[in-house]
Every structure is written in C-alpha cells, then in structure tokens.
Amino acid sequence: MGALIWLLIPFVAAVAAGLWGSWANRTQRMRSDGPELDGYARFRAAMEKSNSGPDDRVTTAP
C-alpha cells in the first residue's frame, strides 16, 4: 500500500501542474502584442533619431 501512495504523489503533482499550466496560459489568448510592439517601434524611432548625425565621441587611435 505504501508503494501505491508513493506512485500517487507524482501523479497528483503532474495533474496539478497540468491544471496550473492551463490556468496560467488562459490569458495569453486574450492578450495581443500590439501595445508592446507599438512601444518598441517608438523606441526604435527614437534611437534612429538620436543617432542621425556624426558621432563626435568616437575617436580613432593614431
């Protein structure tokens, strides 16, 4: 009987992990990446704008 209980513990843990995984993943179907991608596009535009001129900080070694 003790062996059955030891086999039951990982089985219950696997079922609990599966239930938790399905619960944790439920909101990803509803979410989109739109706001995050918009923020990344603004970041890229700002980085390109700030790097448009010559860079005076870079010097070459003689």
PDB file of N, CA and C in Angstrom:
ATOM      1  N   MET A   1       0.818  -1.197   0.000  1.00  0.00           N
ATOM      2  CA  MET A   1       0.000   0.000   0.000  1.00  0.00           C
ATOM      3  C   MET A   1       0.862   1.261   0.000  1.00  0.00           C
ATOM      4  N   GLY A   2       1.991   1.205   0.696  1.00  0.00           N
ATOM      5  CA  GLY A   2       2.872   2.362   0.736  1.00  0.00           C
ATOM      6  C   GLY A   2       3.440   2.701  -0.634  1.00  0.00           C
ATOM      7  N   ALA A   3       3.690   1.657  -1.464  1.00  0.00           N
ATOM      8  CA  ALA A   3       4.212   1.891  -2.812  1.00  0.00           C
ATOM      9  C   ALA A   3       3.186   2.607  -3.674  1.00  0.00           C
ATOM     10  N   LEU A   4       1.934   2.291  -3.495  1.00  0.00           N
ATOM     11  CA  LEU A   4       0.889   2.964  -4.268  1.00  0.00           C
ATOM     12  C   LEU A   4       0.788   4.441  -3.913  1.00  0.00           C
ATOM     13  N   ILE A   5       0.968   4.740  -2.657  1.00  0.00           N
ATOM     14  CA  ILE A   5       0.931   6.145  -2.238  1.00  0.00           C
ATOM     15  C   ILE A   5       2.116   6.893  -2.836  1.00  0.00           C
ATOM     16  N   TRP A   6       3.314   6.253  -2.860  1.00  0.00           N
ATOM     17  CA  TRP A   6       4.480   6.905  -3.448  1.00  0.00           C
ATOM     18  C   TRP A   6       4.304   7.108  -4.949  1.00  0.00           C
ATOM     19  N   LEU A   7       3.576   6.242  -5.611  1.00  0.00           N
ATOM     20  CA  LEU A   7       3.289   6.435  -7.039  1.00  0.00           C
ATOM     21  C   LEU A   7       2.181   7.462  -7.245  1.00  0.00           C
ATOM     22  N   LEU A   8       1.307   7.587  -6.291  1.00  0.00           N
ATOM     23  CA  LEU A   8       0.199   8.526  -6.395  1.00  0.00           C
ATOM     24  C   LEU A   8       0.672   9.976  -6.250  1.00  0.00           C
ATOM     25  N   ILE A   9       1.707  10.225  -5.455  1.00  0.00           N
ATOM     26  CA  ILE A   9       2.211  11.587  -5.218  1.00  0.00           C
ATOM     27  C   ILE A   9       2.677  12.246  -6.519  1.00  0.00           C
ATOM     28  N   PRO A  10       3.548  11.596  -7.330  1.00  0.00           N
ATOM     29  CA  PRO A  10       3.938  12.253  -8.586  1.00  0.00           C
ATOM     30  C   PRO A  10       2.775  12.389  -9.575  1.00  0.00           C
ATOM     31  N   PHE A  11       1.858  11.435  -9.552  1.00  0.00           N
ATOM     32  CA  PHE A  11       0.698  11.533 -10.440  1.00  0.00           C
ATOM     33  C   PHE A  11      -0.156  12.744 -10.084  1.00  0.00           C
ATOM     34  N   VAL A  12      -0.416  12.935  -8.822  1.00  0.00           N
ATOM     35  CA  VAL A  12      -1.197  14.101  -8.381  1.00  0.00           C
ATOM     36  C   VAL A  12      -0.441  15.392  -8.692  1.00  0.00           C
ATOM     37  N   ALA A  13       0.877  15.373  -8.516  1.00  0.00           N
ATOM     38  CA  ALA A  13       1.675  16.564  -8.826  1.00  0.00           C
ATOM     39  C   ALA A  13       1.621  16.881 -10.320  1.00  0.00           C
ATOM     40  N   ALA A  14       1.658  15.856 -11.168  1.00  0.00           N
ATOM     41  CA  ALA A  14       1.586  16.072 -12.616  1.00  0.00           C
ATOM     42  C   ALA A  14       0.216  16.622 -13.017  1.00  0.00           C
ATOM     43  N   VAL A  15      -0.830  16.109 -12.428  1.00  0.00           N
ATOM     44  CA  VAL A  15      -2.177  16.620 -12.726  1.00  0.00           C
ATOM     45  C   VAL A  15      -2.303  18.066 -12.255  1.00  0.00           C
ATOM     46  N   ALA A  16      -1.781  18.356 -11.069  1.00  0.00           N
ATOM     47  CA  ALA A  16      -1.833  19.732 -10.562  1.00  0.00           C
ATOM     48  C   ALA A  16      -1.024  20.671 -11.454  1.00  0.00           C
ATOM     49  N   ALA A  17       0.136  20.218 -11.925  1.00  0.00           N
ATOM     50  CA  ALA A  17       0.947  21.054 -12.814  1.00  0.00           C
ATOM     51  C   ALA A  17       0.227  21.304 -14.133  1.00  0.00           C
ATOM     52  N   GLY A  18      -0.438  20.298 -14.655  1.00  0.00           N
ATOM     53  CA  GLY A  18      -1.201  20.482 -15.882  1.00  0.00           C
ATOM     54  C   GLY A  18      -2.345  21.458 -15.705  1.00  0.00           C
ATOM     55  N   LEU A  19      -3.046  21.358 -14.600  1.00  0.00           N
ATOM     56  CA  LEU A  19      -4.135  22.304 -14.325  1.00  0.00           C
ATOM     57  C   LEU A  19      -3.616  23.725 -14.151  1.00  0.00           C
ATOM     58  N   TRP A  20      -2.508  23.863 -13.434  1.00  0.00           N
ATOM     59  CA  TRP A  20      -1.939  25.194 -13.239  1.00  0.00           C
ATOM     60  C   TRP A  20      -1.451  25.768 -14.572  1.00  0.00           C
ATOM     61  N   GLY A  21      -0.832  24.931 -15.404  1.00  0.00           N
ATOM     62  CA  GLY A  21      -0.354  25.408 -16.702  1.00  0.00           C
ATOM     63  C   GLY A  21      -1.483  25.878 -17.594  1.00  0.00           C
ATOM     64  N   SER A  22      -2.576  25.151 -17.601  1.00  0.00           N
ATOM     65  CA  SER A  22      -3.710  25.585 -18.420  1.00  0.00           C
ATOM     66  C   SER A  22      -4.346  26.854 -17.850  1.00  0.00           C
ATOM     67  N   TRP A  23      -4.362  26.994 -16.540  1.00  0.00           N
ATOM     68  CA  TRP A  23      -4.901  28.206 -15.924  1.00  0.00           C
ATOM     69  C   TRP A  23      -3.992  29.406 -16.189  1.00  0.00           C
ATOM     70  N   ALA A  24      -2.678  29.200 -16.097  1.00  0.00           N
ATOM     71  CA  ALA A  24      -1.737  30.300 -16.308  1.00  0.00           C
ATOM     72  C   ALA A  24      -1.722  30.743 -17.765  1.00  0.00           C
ATOM     73  N   ASN A  25      -2.021  29.860 -18.688  1.00  0.00           N
ATOM     74  CA  ASN A  25      -1.969  30.171 -20.113  1.00  0.00           C
ATOM     75  C   ASN A  25      -3.283  30.746 -20.626  1.00  0.00           C
ATOM     76  N   ARG A  26      -4.291  30.825 -19.820  1.00  0.00           N
ATOM     77  CA  ARG A  26      -5.611  31.245 -20.292  1.00  0.00           C
ATOM     78  C   ARG A  26      -5.636  32.689 -20.746  1.00  0.00           C
ATOM     79  N   THR A  27      -4.813  33.553 -20.162  1.00  0.00           N
ATOM     80  CA  THR A  27      -4.871  34.972 -20.513  1.00  0.00           C
ATOM     81  C   THR A  27      -4.062  35.291 -21.758  1.00  0.00           C
ATOM     82  N   GLN A  28      -3.179  34.414 -22.198  1.00  0.00           N
ATOM     83  CA  GLN A  28      -2.358  34.724 -23.363  1.00  0.00           C
ATOM     84  C   GLN A  28      -3.179  34.731 -24.643  1.00  0.00           C
ATOM     85  N   ARG A  29      -4.258  33.994 -24.685  1.00  0.00           N
ATOM     86  CA  ARG A  29      -5.119  34.006 -25.871  1.00  0.00           C
ATOM     87  C   ARG A  29      -5.834  35.339 -26.002  1.00  0.00           C
ATOM     88  N   MET A  30      -6.111  35.978 -24.881  1.00  0.00           N
ATOM     89  CA  MET A  30      -6.845  37.230 -24.901  1.00  0.00           C
ATOM     90  C   MET A  30      -5.934  38.426 -25.162  1.00  0.00           C
ATOM     91  N   ARG A  31      -4.682  38.303 -24.781  1.00  0.00           N
ATOM     92  CA  ARG A  31      -3.741  39.410 -24.931  1.00  0.00           C
ATOM     93  C   ARG A  31      -3.160  39.435 -26.332  1.00  0.00           C
ATOM     94  N   SER A  32      -2.855  40.607 -26.800  1.00  0.00           N
ATOM     95  CA  SER A  32      -2.145  40.742 -28.062  1.00  0.00           C
ATOM     96  C   SER A  32      -0.839  41.473 -27.800  1.00  0.00           C
ATOM     97  N   ASP A  33       0.039  41.439 -28.752  1.00  0.00           N
ATOM     98  CA  ASP A  33       1.329  42.098 -28.611  1.00  0.00           C
ATOM     99  C   ASP A  33       1.293  43.527 -29.137  1.00  0.00           C
ATOM    100  N   GLY A  34       0.123  44.024 -29.489  1.00  0.00           N
ATOM    101  CA  GLY A  34       0.002  45.348 -30.082  1.00  0.00           C
ATOM    102  C   GLY A  34       0.649  46.458 -29.282  1.00  0.00           C
ATOM    103  N   PRO A  35       0.291  46.666 -28.024  1.00  0.00           N
ATOM    104  CA  PRO A  35       0.887  47.766 -27.263  1.00  0.00           C
ATOM    105  C   PRO A  35       2.396  47.604 -27.078  1.00  0.00           C
ATOM    106  N   GLU A  36       2.854  46.391 -26.890  1.00  0.00           N
ATOM    107  CA  GLU A  36       4.290  46.177 -26.716  1.00  0.00           C
ATOM    108  C   GLU A  36       5.047  46.467 -28.001  1.00  0.00           C
ATOM    109  N   LEU A  37       4.478  46.051 -29.143  1.00  0.00           N
ATOM    110  CA  LEU A  37       5.141  46.314 -30.415  1.00  0.00           C
ATOM    111  C   LEU A  37       5.114  47.797 -30.760  1.00  0.00           C
ATOM    112  N   ASP A  38       4.050  48.488 -30.373  1.00  0.00           N
ATOM    113  CA  ASP A  38       3.992  49.939 -30.590  1.00  0.00           C
ATOM    114  C   ASP A  38       5.076  50.642 -29.786  1.00  0.00           C
ATOM    115  N   GLY A  39       5.266  50.225 -28.552  1.00  0.00           N
ATOM    116  CA  GLY A  39       6.314  50.812 -27.724  1.00  0.00           C
ATOM    117  C   GLY A  39       7.692  50.538 -28.291  1.00  0.00           C
ATOM    118  N   TYR A  40       7.897  49.346 -28.813  1.00  0.00           N
ATOM    119  CA  TYR A  40       9.192  49.013 -29.412  1.00  0.00           C
ATOM    120  C   TYR A  40       9.429  49.843 -30.663  1.00  0.00           C
ATOM    121  N   ALA A  41       8.393  50.081 -31.458  1.00  0.00           N
ATOM    122  CA  ALA A  41       8.541  50.912 -32.658  1.00  0.00           C
ATOM    123  C   ALA A  41       8.902  52.342 -32.268  1.00  0.00           C
ATOM    124  N   ARG A  42       8.296  52.868 -31.202  1.00  0.00           N
ATOM    125  CA  ARG A  42       8.659  54.221 -30.743  1.00  0.00           C
ATOM    126  C   ARG A  42      10.100  54.257 -30.250  1.00  0.00           C
ATOM    127  N   PHE A  43      10.525  53.205 -29.565  1.00  0.00           N
ATOM    128  CA  PHE A  43      11.902  53.131 -29.082  1.00  0.00           C
ATOM    129  C   PHE A  43      12.879  53.116 -30.252  1.00  0.00           C
ATOM    130  N   ARG A  44      12.602  52.315 -31.253  1.00  0.00           N
ATOM    131  CA  ARG A  44      13.495  52.252 -32.418  1.00  0.00           C
ATOM    132  C   ARG A  44      13.559  53.592 -33.141  1.00  0.00           C
ATOM    133  N   ALA A  45      12.408  54.258 -33.269  1.00  0.00           N
ATOM    134  CA  ALA A  45      12.383  55.565 -33.938  1.00  0.00           C
ATOM    135  C   ALA A  45      13.202  56.577 -33.156  1.00  0.00           C
ATOM    136  N   ALA A  46      13.106  56.548 -31.843  1.00  0.00           N
ATOM    137  CA  ALA A  46      13.871  57.480 -31.022  1.00  0.00           C
ATOM    138  C   ALA A  46      15.364  57.190 -31.114  1.00  0.00           C
ATOM    139  N   MET A  47      15.734  55.921 -31.161  1.00  0.00           N
ATOM    140  CA  MET A  47      17.154  55.582 -31.269  1.00  0.00           C
ATOM    141  C   MET A  47      17.718  55.978 -32.625  1.00  0.00           C
ATOM    142  N   GLU A  48      16.937  55.820 -33.683  1.00  0.00           N
ATOM    143  CA  GLU A  48      17.406  56.223 -35.007  1.00  0.00           C
ATOM    144  C   GLU A  48      17.525  57.733 -35.106  1.00  0.00           C
ATOM    145  N   LYS A  49      16.620  58.449 -34.465  1.00  0.00           N
ATOM    146  CA  LYS A  49      16.673  59.906 -34.498  1.00  0.00           C
ATOM    147  C   LYS A  49      17.893  60.434 -33.752  1.00  0.00           C
ATOM    148  N   SER A  50      18.215  59.831 -32.618  1.00  0.00           N
ATOM    149  CA  SER A  50      19.329  60.334 -31.823  1.00  0.00           C
ATOM    150  C   SER A  50      20.676  59.975 -32.436  1.00  0.00           C
ATOM    151  N   ASN A  51      20.709  59.087 -33.399  1.00  0.00           N
ATOM    152  CA  ASN A  51      21.961  58.652 -33.992  1.00  0.00           C
ATOM    153  C   ASN A  51      22.073  59.103 -35.440  1.00  0.00           C
ATOM    154  N   SER A  52      21.365  60.171 -35.815  1.00  0.00           N
ATOM    155  CA  SER A  52      21.311  60.565 -37.216  1.00  0.00           C
ATOM    156  C   SER A  52      22.529  61.385 -37.648  1.00  0.00           C
ATOM    157  N   GLY A  53      23.185  62.096 -36.726  1.00  0.00           N
ATOM    158  CA  GLY A  53      24.321  62.932 -37.087  1.00  0.00           C
ATOM    159  C   GLY A  53      25.652  62.238 -36.861  1.00  0.00           C
ATOM    160  N   PRO A  54      26.746  62.950 -37.190  1.00  0.00           N
ATOM    161  CA  PRO A  54      28.066  62.352 -36.948  1.00  0.00           C
ATOM    162  C   PRO A  54      28.318  62.222 -35.449  1.00  0.00           C
ATOM    163  N   ASP A  55      29.037  61.214 -35.092  1.00  0.00           N
ATOM    164  CA  ASP A  55      29.313  60.954 -33.692  1.00  0.00           C
ATOM    165  C   ASP A  55      30.672  61.561 -33.331  1.00  0.00           C
ATOM    166  N   ASP A  56      30.676  62.618 -32.511  1.00  0.00           N
ATOM    167  CA  ASP A  56      31.903  63.301 -32.136  1.00  0.00           C
ATOM    168  C   ASP A  56      32.648  62.576 -31.025  1.00  0.00           C
ATOM    169  N   ARG A  57      31.996  61.673 -30.355  1.00  0.00           N
ATOM    170  CA  ARG A  57      32.630  60.990 -29.222  1.00  0.00           C
ATOM    171  C   ARG A  57      33.601  59.909 -29.682  1.00  0.00           C
ATOM    172  N   VAL A  58      33.430  59.382 -30.863  1.00  0.00           N
ATOM    173  CA  VAL A  58      34.284  58.295 -31.331  1.00  0.00           C
ATOM    174  C   VAL A  58      35.563  58.881 -31.920  1.00  0.00           C
ATOM    175  N   THR A  59      36.676  58.467 -31.406  1.00  0.00           N
ATOM    176  CA  THR A  59      37.964  58.924 -31.938  1.00  0.00           C
ATOM    177  C   THR A  59      38.763  57.700 -32.359  1.00  0.00           C
ATOM    178  N   THR A  60      39.582  57.900 -33.337  1.00  0.00           N
ATOM    179  CA  THR A  60      40.418  56.785 -33.802  1.00  0.00           C
ATOM    180  C   THR A  60      41.811  56.931 -33.192  1.00  0.00           C
ATOM    181  N   ALA A  61      42.430  55.828 -32.938  1.00  0.00           N
ATOM    182  CA  ALA A  61      43.792  55.844 -32.366  1.00  0.00           C
ATOM    183  C   ALA A  61      44.782  56.217 -33.457  1.00  0.00           C
ATOM    184  N   PRO A  62      45.808  56.985 -33.113  1.00  0.00           N
ATOM    185  CA  PRO A  62      46.796  57.405 -34.138  1.00  0.00           C
ATOM    186  C   PRO A  62      47.648  56.259 -34.605  1.00  0.00           C
TER     187      PRO A  62
END
